[in-house]
Amino acid sequence: MHYDINYGRYNELNPNTFNDLLTLRHKVFIGRLNWELSSNKGREQDEYDTPSASYIYVRQEEAMVGCWRIIPTTSSYMLKDTFNTMQGDAATISDPNICELSRFAVDKDSVASSHKISDVTVSMFKGVQQYAHTHRVKEYITVTSLAVERILKRIGLPFERFGDQKVHKLGDTKSVALRFMMNDEFDQWIVNNS
């Protein structure tokens, strides 16, 4: 199965592409995960979808099957401004070479899984790696569920807990803050799983 990995800044995305991205987020976060988020006409968008945001999105033919938002930590971002208790005693990060990943969404209805992880998810991590090399990102931080952390451990993706390193209850979801270093170990994981 072939997937096209694409990138775009908030103010440069084609309106139809951005609509597809927000529709996928609605399908995943509101439809499948039952998160209590605001939506408008079947689209999920929040205060972090601003001109400072960039997006990785994956298409299979014309269908949007995966997306991820990237925000530089020099801007407003979720871990700093919404989930700041997860940072613990760690200083708030504001570094042009560190970005936050948020709103990871994969359309489970249209993905193929060849190993322990879907091909779309591998494509998304490949996109994160490519974006990092192009934009001089040395690490990513993110908030994710404990279930996703377990999957990442199982597939051997290199990461570490970040901030206070504790499990936090966000709504009904047990969540943790993670850090992905863009280094040789991460690059090798991409090679081994592509």
Protein backbone atom coordinates (compact mmCIF):
# COMPACT_ATOMS: atom_id res chain seq x y z
CA MET A 1 0.00 0.00 0.00
CA HIS A 2 1.38 3.43 -0.94
CA TYR A 3 0.92 6.46 1.29
CA ASP A 4 1.81 10.04 0.40
CA ILE A 5 3.40 12.00 3.26
CA ASN A 6 2.69 15.73 3.01
CA TYR A 7 3.47 18.87 5.01
CA GLY A 8 1.95 22.29 5.21
CA ARG A 9 1.84 25.38 7.37
CA TYR A 10 -1.53 26.53 8.69
CA ASN A 11 -1.78 29.51 6.36
CA GLU A 12 -0.45 27.60 3.32
CA LEU A 13 -2.72 24.54 3.34
CA ASN A 14 -5.26 24.21 0.57
CA PRO A 15 -8.72 24.84 2.16
CA ASN A 16 -9.95 21.40 1.02
CA THR A 17 -6.90 19.71 2.56
CA PHE A 18 -7.39 21.57 5.83
CA ASN A 19 -11.08 20.62 5.83
CA ASP A 20 -10.15 16.94 5.29
CA LEU A 21 -7.65 17.15 8.16
CA LEU A 22 -10.18 18.69 10.57
CA THR A 23 -12.83 16.17 9.49
CA LEU A 24 -10.46 13.28 10.25
CA ARG A 25 -9.71 14.78 13.66
CA HIS A 26 -13.45 15.01 14.36
CA LYS A 27 -13.93 11.39 13.30
CA VAL A 28 -11.13 10.17 15.56
CA PHE A 29 -11.36 12.39 18.65
CA ILE A 30 -15.09 13.03 18.88
CA GLY A 31 -16.52 10.09 16.96
CA ARG A 32 -14.23 7.24 18.02
CA LEU A 33 -12.64 8.38 21.29
CA ASN A 34 -15.65 10.36 22.59
CA TRP A 35 -13.54 13.33 23.68
CA GLU A 36 -15.55 16.36 24.74
CA LEU A 37 -14.24 18.85 22.20
CA SER A 38 -15.96 21.62 20.33
CA SER A 39 -16.74 20.95 16.71
CA ASN A 40 -18.32 22.79 13.84
CA LYS A 41 -19.98 20.99 10.93
CA GLY A 42 -18.11 17.75 11.57
CA ARG A 43 -14.72 19.46 11.95
CA GLU A 44 -12.55 19.56 15.09
CA GLN A 45 -10.45 22.69 15.46
CA ASP A 46 -8.98 24.36 18.54
CA GLU A 47 -7.09 27.44 19.68
CA TYR A 48 -3.74 25.89 18.71
CA ASP A 49 -4.61 25.77 15.01
CA THR A 50 -2.88 29.07 14.31
CA PRO A 51 -0.38 30.41 11.76
CA SER A 52 2.48 29.04 13.92
CA ALA A 53 1.22 25.47 13.40
CA SER A 54 2.39 23.08 10.71
CA TYR A 55 0.81 19.76 9.79
CA ILE A 56 1.96 16.38 8.62
CA TYR A 57 -0.77 14.54 6.80
CA VAL A 58 -0.88 11.22 5.01
CA ARG A 59 -3.09 10.40 2.06
CA GLN A 60 -3.93 7.09 0.47
CA GLU A 61 -4.95 8.04 -3.04
CA GLU A 62 -7.22 11.02 -2.29
CA ALA A 63 -8.32 9.97 1.21
CA MET A 64 -6.89 11.66 4.31
CA VAL A 65 -5.81 8.72 6.51
CA GLY A 66 -3.51 10.37 9.06
CA CYS A 67 -2.52 13.75 10.44
CA TRP A 68 -0.42 15.34 13.14
CA ARG A 69 0.01 18.96 14.23
CA ILE A 70 3.45 20.45 14.92
CA ILE A 71 3.83 23.61 17.01
CA PRO A 72 7.16 25.24 17.87
CA THR A 73 7.63 25.63 21.62
CA THR A 74 8.35 29.32 21.07
CA SER A 75 4.58 29.68 20.48
CA SER A 76 1.55 28.82 22.56
CA TYR A 77 1.27 25.02 22.82
CA MET A 78 -0.83 22.48 24.73
CA LEU A 79 1.74 21.14 27.21
CA LYS A 80 2.61 24.68 28.29
CA ASP A 81 -0.80 26.32 28.21
CA THR A 82 -3.38 23.55 28.76
CA PHE A 83 -1.60 20.64 30.47
CA ASN A 84 1.09 22.60 32.34
CA THR A 85 0.69 20.50 35.51
CA MET A 86 2.32 17.63 33.59
CA GLN A 87 5.60 19.54 33.44
CA GLY A 88 6.24 19.17 37.17
CA ASP A 89 9.32 21.11 38.23
CA ALA A 90 10.74 21.13 34.70
CA ALA A 91 11.17 24.57 33.22
CA THR A 92 8.73 25.52 30.49
CA ILE A 93 10.34 24.82 27.15
CA SER A 94 10.71 27.64 24.67
CA ASP A 95 13.27 26.53 22.09
CA PRO A 96 13.07 26.93 18.30
CA ASN A 97 14.56 23.43 17.90
CA ILE A 98 11.92 21.71 20.06
CA CYS A 99 8.36 21.27 18.81
CA GLU A 100 5.19 19.86 20.27
CA LEU A 101 3.28 17.13 18.44
CA SER A 102 -0.46 17.13 19.03
CA ARG A 103 -3.72 15.90 17.52
CA PHE A 104 -2.32 12.63 16.16
CA ALA A 105 -5.14 10.99 14.21
CA VAL A 106 -5.25 7.84 12.07
CA ASP A 107 -8.33 6.63 10.22
CA LYS A 108 -8.53 3.02 11.40
CA ASP A 109 -11.13 2.23 8.73
CA SER A 110 -8.66 2.68 5.90
CA VAL A 111 -5.31 1.43 7.18
CA ALA A 112 -3.33 -1.73 6.58
CA SER A 113 -1.23 -3.24 9.32
CA SER A 114 1.73 -5.32 8.22
CA HIS A 115 3.47 -5.67 11.59
CA LYS A 116 2.57 -4.63 15.12
CA ILE A 117 1.78 -1.08 13.97
CA SER A 118 -0.19 0.32 11.07
CA ASP A 119 1.62 1.40 7.92
CA VAL A 120 -0.01 4.83 8.26
CA THR A 121 1.46 5.25 11.74
CA VAL A 122 4.93 4.31 10.47
CA SER A 123 4.44 6.86 7.66
CA MET A 124 3.49 9.48 10.25
CA PHE A 125 6.68 8.87 12.25
CA LYS A 126 8.67 8.96 9.01
CA GLY A 127 7.03 12.33 8.31
CA VAL A 128 8.02 13.57 11.77
CA GLN A 129 11.61 12.50 11.09
CA GLN A 130 11.69 14.18 7.67
CA TYR A 131 10.17 17.36 9.07
CA ALA A 132 12.79 17.39 11.84
CA HIS A 133 15.67 17.06 9.37
CA THR A 134 14.26 19.80 7.13
CA HIS A 135 13.40 22.24 9.94
CA ARG A 136 16.29 21.53 12.35
CA VAL A 137 14.05 20.07 15.04
CA LYS A 138 16.15 18.21 17.60
CA GLU A 139 13.27 16.85 19.66
CA TYR A 140 9.51 16.64 19.93
CA ILE A 141 7.39 16.66 23.06
CA THR A 142 3.82 15.41 23.26
CA VAL A 143 0.99 14.42 25.58
CA THR A 144 -0.43 10.99 24.83
CA SER A 145 -2.45 8.23 26.42
CA LEU A 146 -0.94 5.48 28.53
CA ALA A 147 -2.28 3.02 25.94
CA VAL A 148 -0.29 4.72 23.16
CA GLU A 149 2.82 4.75 25.36
CA ARG A 150 2.47 0.97 25.78
CA ILE A 151 2.20 0.53 21.99
CA LEU A 152 5.31 2.67 21.45
CA LYS A 153 7.23 0.53 23.95
CA ARG A 154 6.03 -2.68 22.29
CA ILE A 155 7.17 -1.57 18.83
CA GLY A 156 10.52 -0.35 20.15
CA LEU A 157 10.16 3.31 19.16
CA PRO A 158 12.74 5.32 21.13
CA PHE A 159 11.17 7.84 23.53
CA GLU A 160 11.26 8.83 27.17
CA ARG A 161 8.78 10.28 29.61
CA PHE A 162 9.04 14.00 30.05
CA GLY A 163 8.10 16.57 32.70
CA ASP A 164 6.99 15.10 36.02
CA GLN A 165 6.96 11.62 34.38
CA LYS A 166 3.69 10.77 36.14
CA VAL A 167 0.40 9.47 34.80
CA HIS A 168 -2.31 12.17 34.73
CA LYS A 169 -6.03 11.71 34.24
CA LEU A 170 -7.18 13.97 31.38
CA GLY A 171 -10.92 13.47 31.20
CA ASP A 172 -11.32 9.69 31.13
CA THR A 173 -7.87 9.10 29.64
CA LYS A 174 -4.73 8.25 31.61
CA SER A 175 -2.03 10.35 29.94
CA VAL A 176 1.70 11.01 30.03
CA ALA A 177 4.10 13.55 28.54
CA LEU A 178 6.72 12.07 26.20
CA ARG A 179 9.86 13.23 24.42
CA PHE A 180 11.15 11.94 21.08
CA MET A 181 14.79 12.78 20.37
CA MET A 182 15.61 13.14 16.68
CA ASN A 183 18.83 11.16 16.67
CA ASP A 184 20.51 8.12 15.11
CA GLU A 185 18.45 5.72 17.22
CA PHE A 186 15.18 7.25 15.96
CA ASP A 187 16.49 7.26 12.37
CA GLN A 188 17.41 3.57 12.67
CA TRP A 189 13.92 2.72 13.93
CA ILE A 190 12.48 4.39 10.81
CA VAL A 191 14.85 2.40 8.55
CA ASN A 192 13.98 -0.86 10.31
CA ASN A 193 10.23 -0.26 10.05
CA SER A 194 9.89 1.25 6.57
